[in-house]
Protein backbone atom coordinates (compact mmCIF):
# COMPACT_ATOMS: atom_id res chain seq x y z
CA MET A 1 -11.38 17.29 116.99
CA LEU A 2 -12.17 20.49 118.89
CA GLU A 3 -15.76 21.65 118.47
CA VAL A 4 -15.52 25.43 118.13
CA ALA A 5 -17.69 27.82 116.16
CA PHE A 6 -16.00 30.26 113.79
CA ASP A 7 -16.84 32.18 110.62
CA TYR A 8 -13.82 31.75 108.35
CA PRO A 9 -14.61 34.54 105.83
CA GLN A 10 -15.30 37.05 108.59
CA LEU A 11 -12.27 36.08 110.67
CA GLN A 12 -10.07 36.45 107.59
CA SER A 13 -10.67 40.19 107.88
CA ILE A 14 -8.77 40.17 111.19
CA GLY A 15 -5.95 37.89 110.11
CA LEU A 16 -7.24 34.30 110.17
CA ASN A 17 -5.34 31.98 107.84
CA GLN A 18 -5.02 28.27 107.22
CA THR A 19 -2.07 27.97 109.61
CA VAL A 20 -4.27 29.11 112.49
CA VAL A 21 -7.07 26.77 111.45
CA ASN A 22 -4.65 23.83 111.31
CA GLN A 23 -3.54 24.60 114.87
CA LEU A 24 -7.17 24.71 115.93
CA TYR A 25 -7.67 21.16 114.76
CA THR A 26 -4.68 19.91 116.77
CA LEU A 27 -6.32 20.88 120.07
CA ASP A 28 -8.20 18.02 121.71
CA GLU A 29 -9.40 19.59 124.97
CA GLN A 30 -13.14 20.11 124.54
CA PRO A 31 -14.63 23.31 126.02
CA ALA A 32 -17.15 22.73 128.78
CA LEU A 33 -19.49 25.38 127.34
CA PRO A 34 -20.35 26.70 123.86
CA ALA A 35 -17.12 28.15 122.52
CA ALA A 36 -15.84 30.23 119.63
CA LEU A 37 -12.55 31.19 118.00
CA LEU A 38 -11.70 34.88 118.52
CA ARG A 39 -8.68 37.17 118.32
CA VAL A 40 -7.31 39.30 121.15
CA THR A 41 -7.44 42.96 120.09
CA GLU A 42 -6.67 44.68 123.41
CA ILE A 43 -5.58 43.80 126.94
CA GLN A 44 -6.26 46.02 129.96
CA ARG A 45 -4.95 44.38 133.15
CA ASP A 46 -7.16 41.27 133.60
CA CYS A 47 -9.76 42.32 131.01
CA LEU A 48 -9.48 41.40 127.34
CA THR A 49 -11.20 42.64 124.20
CA LEU A 50 -11.84 39.88 121.67
CA HIS A 51 -13.07 40.10 118.07
CA ASP A 52 -15.08 37.50 116.15
CA GLY A 53 -14.84 39.22 112.78
CA HIS A 54 -18.22 40.88 113.30
CA GLU A 55 -17.88 42.73 116.59
CA GLU A 56 -15.88 43.06 119.79
CA HIS A 57 -16.56 41.25 123.07
CA ASN A 58 -15.24 41.70 126.60
CA ALA A 59 -13.74 38.62 128.24
CA ARG A 60 -11.54 37.40 131.07
CA VAL A 61 -9.04 34.56 131.32
CA LEU A 62 -9.96 31.39 133.17
CA PRO A 63 -7.69 30.96 136.23
CA ARG A 64 -6.42 27.57 135.07
CA LEU A 65 -5.22 29.07 131.76
CA ALA A 66 -3.66 32.05 133.55
CA GLU A 67 -1.79 29.64 135.83
CA ALA A 68 -0.63 27.52 132.89
CA LEU A 69 0.70 30.59 131.05
CA HIS A 70 2.42 31.83 134.21
CA ALA A 71 4.10 28.44 134.62
CA ARG A 72 5.52 28.85 131.09
CA ALA A 73 6.73 32.36 132.00
CA THR A 74 4.48 34.01 129.43
CA ALA A 75 1.03 35.59 129.04
CA LEU A 76 -1.56 36.40 126.39
CA ALA A 77 -0.68 39.15 123.92
CA VAL A 78 -2.58 41.30 121.46
CA GLY A 79 -2.83 39.29 118.25
CA ASP A 80 -3.28 35.92 119.96
CA TRP A 81 -5.99 33.56 118.74
CA VAL A 82 -7.96 32.06 121.61
CA ILE A 83 -10.91 29.81 122.41
CA ALA A 84 -13.52 31.55 124.56
CA GLU A 85 -16.44 29.88 126.32
CA THR A 86 -19.74 31.66 126.95
CA ASN A 87 -21.69 30.80 130.10
CA ALA A 88 -25.42 31.08 130.82
CA LEU A 89 -24.98 34.72 131.89
CA GLY A 90 -23.41 35.66 128.56
CA GLU A 91 -19.96 36.07 130.10
CA ARG A 92 -16.98 35.08 127.95
CA TRP A 93 -14.00 33.28 129.47
CA VAL A 94 -10.82 32.48 127.54
CA CYS A 95 -10.04 28.83 128.12
CA GLN A 96 -7.32 28.05 125.53
CA GLN A 97 -4.61 29.82 123.57
CA LEU A 98 -3.60 28.65 120.12
CA PRO A 99 0.21 28.45 119.84
CA PRO A 100 1.24 31.69 118.07
CA ALA A 101 2.99 31.39 114.72
CA THR A 102 5.21 34.33 115.70
CA HIS A 103 5.64 36.07 119.04
CA LEU A 104 7.45 39.28 119.94
CA ALA A 105 8.46 39.77 123.57
CA ARG A 106 11.06 41.51 125.69
CA ARG A 107 12.77 40.69 128.96
CA ALA A 108 12.29 42.73 132.14
CA ASN A 109 15.22 43.49 134.45
CA ASP A 110 14.34 40.44 136.56
CA GLY A 111 14.28 38.17 133.50
CA ARG A 112 10.49 37.94 133.18
CA ARG A 113 9.11 37.74 129.65
CA GLN A 114 6.81 40.62 128.66
CA PRO A 115 4.76 39.85 125.53
CA LEU A 116 4.48 42.60 122.91
CA ALA A 117 2.40 41.01 120.12
CA SER A 118 1.57 37.62 118.59
CA ASN A 119 0.88 36.26 115.10
CA VAL A 120 2.59 39.20 113.41
CA ASP A 121 3.82 39.08 109.80
CA THR A 122 5.60 42.44 109.61
CA ALA A 123 7.05 44.82 112.19
CA LEU A 124 7.16 48.49 111.19
CA LEU A 125 10.17 49.77 113.15
CA VAL A 126 9.36 53.45 113.47
CA MET A 127 12.03 56.06 114.20
CA GLY A 128 11.94 59.82 113.78
CA LEU A 129 14.53 61.64 111.68
CA ASP A 130 14.76 64.25 114.41
CA MET A 131 16.38 63.82 117.84
CA ASP A 132 14.88 60.31 118.01
CA PHE A 133 17.31 59.02 115.37
CA ASN A 134 19.53 56.29 116.86
CA PRO A 135 21.20 53.68 114.59
CA ARG A 136 22.16 51.46 117.53
CA ARG A 137 18.54 51.22 118.66
CA LEU A 138 17.41 50.31 115.14
CA GLU A 139 20.06 47.56 114.98
CA ARG A 140 18.62 46.21 118.21
CA TYR A 141 15.03 46.32 116.91
CA VAL A 142 15.96 44.64 113.62
CA ALA A 143 17.91 41.86 115.36
CA PHE A 144 15.10 41.01 117.79
CA THR A 145 12.40 41.17 115.10
CA ARG A 146 14.25 38.89 112.71
CA ALA A 147 15.02 36.49 115.56
CA ALA A 148 11.25 36.10 116.11
CA GLY A 149 10.70 35.21 112.44
CA VAL A 150 8.98 38.53 111.71
CA THR A 151 9.77 40.68 108.65
CA ALA A 152 11.39 43.98 109.68
CA VAL A 153 10.63 47.19 107.77
CA VAL A 154 12.35 50.37 108.96
CA VAL A 155 10.07 53.42 108.72
CA LEU A 156 11.82 56.77 109.18
CA THR A 157 9.23 59.43 109.98
CA LYS A 158 9.32 63.25 109.74
CA ALA A 159 11.21 63.13 106.45
CA ASP A 160 9.38 66.31 105.45
CA ILE A 161 11.10 68.34 108.20
CA SER A 162 14.51 66.67 108.18
CA PRO A 163 17.09 68.31 105.91
CA ASP A 164 19.49 65.36 106.20
CA ALA A 165 16.94 62.57 105.72
CA GLN A 166 18.80 61.08 102.74
CA ASP A 167 22.15 61.04 104.58
CA LYS A 168 20.62 59.24 107.57
CA GLN A 169 18.88 56.74 105.31
CA THR A 170 22.19 56.04 103.55
CA LEU A 171 23.93 55.57 106.90
CA LEU A 172 21.40 52.92 107.93
CA GLN A 173 21.80 51.13 104.60
CA THR A 174 25.47 50.59 105.46
CA ARG A 175 24.72 49.29 108.98
CA LEU A 176 21.56 47.18 108.70
CA PRO A 177 21.20 43.83 106.88
CA ALA A 178 21.04 44.44 103.13
CA ASP A 179 17.59 42.89 102.76
CA THR A 180 15.98 45.25 105.33
CA PRO A 181 13.66 47.77 103.61
CA ILE A 182 14.27 51.35 104.79
CA LEU A 183 11.59 53.94 103.98
CA ALA A 184 11.64 57.67 104.74
CA ILE A 185 8.11 59.05 105.00
CA ASN A 186 5.87 61.88 106.10
CA GLY A 187 3.48 60.04 108.41
CA LEU A 188 0.66 62.48 107.63
CA ASP A 189 0.91 62.02 103.87
CA ALA A 190 -1.61 59.67 102.23
CA ALA A 191 1.21 58.55 99.90
CA THR A 192 2.58 56.58 102.84
CA ARG A 193 -0.13 53.95 102.27
CA GLN A 194 1.18 53.35 98.76
CA MET A 195 4.79 53.10 99.98
CA LEU A 196 3.80 50.42 102.50
CA ALA A 197 1.38 48.64 100.15
CA PRO A 198 3.62 45.53 99.72
CA TRP A 199 3.05 44.69 103.41
CA LEU A 200 -0.64 45.58 103.61
CA GLY A 201 -2.13 42.58 101.82
CA ALA A 202 -5.39 40.96 102.93
CA GLY A 203 -4.94 38.82 106.04
CA GLN A 204 -1.57 40.39 106.93
CA THR A 205 -0.89 41.59 110.48
CA LEU A 206 1.56 44.41 111.18
CA VAL A 207 2.84 45.87 114.44
CA VAL A 208 4.34 49.34 114.90
CA LEU A 209 7.26 49.52 117.32
CA GLY A 210 9.35 52.48 118.38
CA SER A 211 9.91 55.11 121.04
CA SER A 212 7.33 57.63 122.20
CA GLY A 213 6.92 60.54 119.80
CA ALA A 214 8.33 58.64 116.81
CA GLY A 215 4.99 58.83 115.01
CA LYS A 216 3.58 55.32 115.53
CA SER A 217 0.00 56.41 116.20
CA THR A 218 0.13 58.99 113.40
CA LEU A 219 1.24 56.22 111.04
CA THR A 220 -1.55 53.94 112.31
CA ASN A 221 -4.13 56.67 111.67
CA THR A 222 -2.80 57.32 108.17
CA LEU A 223 -2.84 53.64 107.22
CA SER A 224 -6.35 53.17 108.66
CA GLU A 225 -7.61 56.37 107.01
CA ALA A 226 -9.22 57.32 110.33
CA GLU A 227 -8.33 59.03 113.62
CA MET A 228 -8.29 55.77 115.57
CA GLN A 229 -5.40 56.61 117.91
CA ALA A 230 -4.65 59.76 119.89
CA THR A 231 -1.43 61.54 118.94
CA GLY A 232 0.77 64.08 120.67
CA GLY A 233 3.85 66.23 120.16
CA VAL A 234 7.37 65.88 121.50
CA ARG A 235 9.22 67.88 124.15
CA LYS A 236 11.24 70.77 122.77
CA GLY A 237 14.26 70.11 124.98
CA ASP A 238 15.14 66.54 124.02
CA GLY A 239 12.63 65.60 121.33
CA ARG A 240 11.15 62.83 123.46
CA GLY A 241 7.51 62.00 123.04
CA ARG A 242 4.68 61.76 125.51
CA HIS A 243 2.91 58.43 126.01
CA THR A 244 -0.33 59.10 124.14
CA THR A 245 -0.79 55.36 123.47
CA THR A 246 -1.11 53.51 126.78
CA ALA A 247 -2.11 50.01 125.65
CA ARG A 248 -1.48 47.74 122.68
CA SER A 249 -4.47 47.46 120.38
CA LEU A 250 -5.28 45.80 117.06
CA HIS A 251 -7.15 47.67 114.31
CA ARG A 252 -8.47 46.68 110.91
CA LEU A 253 -7.18 48.52 107.85
CA PRO A 254 -8.82 49.10 104.47
CA GLY A 255 -7.96 46.08 102.33
CA SER A 256 -8.34 43.60 105.23
CA ALA A 257 -4.91 43.90 106.79
CA CYS A 258 -4.56 44.49 110.55
CA ILE A 259 -2.20 46.72 112.50
CA ILE A 260 -1.21 46.62 116.18
CA ASP A 261 -0.29 49.97 117.72
CA THR A 262 1.89 49.88 120.82
CA PRO A 263 3.05 52.27 123.57
CA GLY A 264 6.55 53.68 123.24
CA LEU A 265 9.38 51.27 123.97
CA ARG A 266 11.83 52.75 126.47
CA THR A 267 13.98 49.63 126.31
CA TRP A 268 13.85 46.32 124.46
CA ARG A 269 15.97 43.70 126.13
CA PRO A 270 16.43 40.55 124.08
CA ASP A 271 14.11 37.59 124.47
CA THR A 272 16.33 35.44 122.27
CA ASP A 273 19.65 33.59 122.26
CA GLU A 274 22.95 34.32 120.52
CA ALA A 275 21.73 32.71 117.29
CA GLY A 276 18.82 35.12 117.27
CA ILE A 277 21.13 38.12 117.69
CA ASN A 278 23.30 36.85 114.82
CA ALA A 279 20.22 36.87 112.56
CA GLY A 280 20.25 40.67 112.78
CA PHE A 281 24.02 40.91 112.29
CA ASP A 282 24.42 38.53 109.38
CA ASP A 283 27.37 40.54 108.01
CA ILE A 284 29.34 39.79 111.18
CA GLU A 285 28.32 36.14 111.08
CA GLN A 286 29.50 35.80 107.45
CA LEU A 287 32.80 37.56 108.11
CA ALA A 288 33.38 35.42 111.22
CA ALA A 289 33.77 32.37 108.98
CA HIS A 290 37.08 33.87 107.79
CA CYS A 291 38.54 34.55 111.24
CA HIS A 292 41.77 32.73 112.09
CA PHE A 293 40.24 31.21 115.23
CA ARG A 294 36.94 29.35 115.05
CA ASP A 295 35.83 30.70 118.44
CA CYS A 296 37.01 34.27 117.72
CA GLN A 297 35.19 36.85 119.86
CA HIS A 298 36.16 39.72 117.50
CA GLN A 299 37.92 41.66 120.22
CA ASP A 300 41.73 41.44 120.35
CA GLU A 301 42.39 38.04 118.76
CA PRO A 302 44.95 37.95 115.90
CA GLY A 303 43.60 37.16 112.45
CA CYS A 304 40.09 38.52 113.13
CA ALA A 305 38.25 39.18 109.85
CA VAL A 306 35.49 41.17 111.53
CA ARG A 307 37.22 44.07 113.30
CA ASP A 308 38.60 45.74 110.16
CA ALA A 309 35.43 45.26 108.10
CA VAL A 310 32.75 46.35 110.58
CA SER A 311 32.48 49.81 112.14
CA PRO A 312 33.59 49.90 115.81
CA ASP A 313 30.21 51.29 116.88
CA ARG A 314 28.26 48.47 115.21
CA LEU A 315 30.64 45.85 116.63
CA HIS A 316 30.29 47.38 120.11
CA ASN A 317 26.51 47.19 119.78
CA TYR A 318 26.76 43.55 118.69
CA HIS A 319 28.86 42.59 121.72
CA LYS A 320 26.44 44.39 124.03
CA LEU A 321 23.43 42.53 122.62
CA ILE A 322 25.22 39.18 122.87
CA ARG A 323 25.90 39.86 126.57
CA GLU A 324 22.25 40.81 127.12
CA ALA A 325 21.05 37.69 125.30
CA ARG A 326 23.25 35.47 127.48
CA ARG A 327 21.95 37.17 130.60
CA GLY A 328 18.36 36.76 129.40
CA GLN A 329 18.87 33.01 129.12
CA GLN A 330 20.15 32.73 132.69
CA THR A 331 18.01 31.57 135.58
CA ALA A 332 17.37 33.91 138.51
CA LEU A 333 20.00 32.05 140.58
CA GLU A 334 22.57 32.31 137.80
CA ARG A 335 21.95 36.07 137.47
CA LYS A 336 22.30 36.47 141.23
CA ALA A 337 25.56 34.49 141.26
CA GLU A 338 26.99 36.55 138.38
CA THR A 339 26.08 39.81 140.12
CA ALA A 340 27.79 38.59 143.30
CA ARG A 341 30.89 37.60 141.30
CA TRP A 342 31.23 41.05 139.73
CA LYS A 343 30.70 42.71 143.11
CA ALA A 344 33.53 40.60 144.51
CA ILE A 345 35.77 41.55 141.57
CA GLY A 346 34.96 45.22 142.13
CA LYS A 347 35.74 45.02 145.85
CA ALA A 348 39.04 43.24 145.15
CA GLY A 349 40.00 45.93 142.64
CA ALA A 350 39.17 48.69 145.12
CA ALA A 351 41.24 46.94 147.80
CA ARG A 352 44.27 46.73 145.47
CA SER A 353 43.94 50.42 144.69
CA ARG A 354 43.95 51.29 148.39
CA GLU A 355 47.06 49.15 148.94
CA LYS A 356 48.90 50.94 146.14
CA ARG A 357 48.03 54.28 147.68
CA GLY A 358 49.23 52.99 151.04
CA GLY A 359 45.79 53.49 152.56
């Protein structure tokens, strides 16, 4: 059994639970130096901030662990539980990562996985009821969150200045899975803490996700009852926010829950497969069982039970996410081959057009 020091009652205040402890006991690689169980609360390039339940500590990742994570096409994320050794100089080095119970990540254009947060119970999907409002984007967020095994709660901010807040909330209720909570709030109002109370229990970890200017840091400050994160306004022209939060960071809340604030998400490409996408479009999956053809793609096939029951915009979004999920599962060589194939198709089409014009 791994010999690691940890204070269970204190670590509970930053999210430790029995699941994490059970994983700790499955590790058999003994640290070479005195070691402790800590949680990653912030990552800045190659420097980490760890918390032991009492205070924060600076640390770095041992090269062998960094190489092992790179080989698995992943990296440490805020919220991870790790084993850190302390050498004779008092320096802390992360030597092991406990397998996360849940993990949120996205795919870069080149297919690389970019971790967002680990060991999260609930994702607060924050969207403003101003020019930030985008049902397609929320469908995407809900699908990816549910695929990772994380509870999705939609939080619509700026309800106090939106005259059509109720109409937009009703629209989302017709598009999102029926069991997805949708709350319209004023992020500056203390009543927000009571509205989100069901997800703020002791030992729970939340993450706020959304675009810049949606009110993520304002919400974090309200829930923590302190000005922990800097906030900023939005541009008048397009309502887009400025990146006031530049790094993901974990904070403790009154009542012993934790919250991870994140920079604005410009894009969130799927780090999941088709089954994961279907988890966020369960209405389509249920209707698909009544299609005439078992392998119906819900496009132009006869006897499709989906096309007439689902809005064209939602179905278009579903098809787009399925294509992105398939691409995310491809290897670099497969993506390169597919790009070459579509280039060849495009050139052939252009050549046919020239022939028709007699050029």
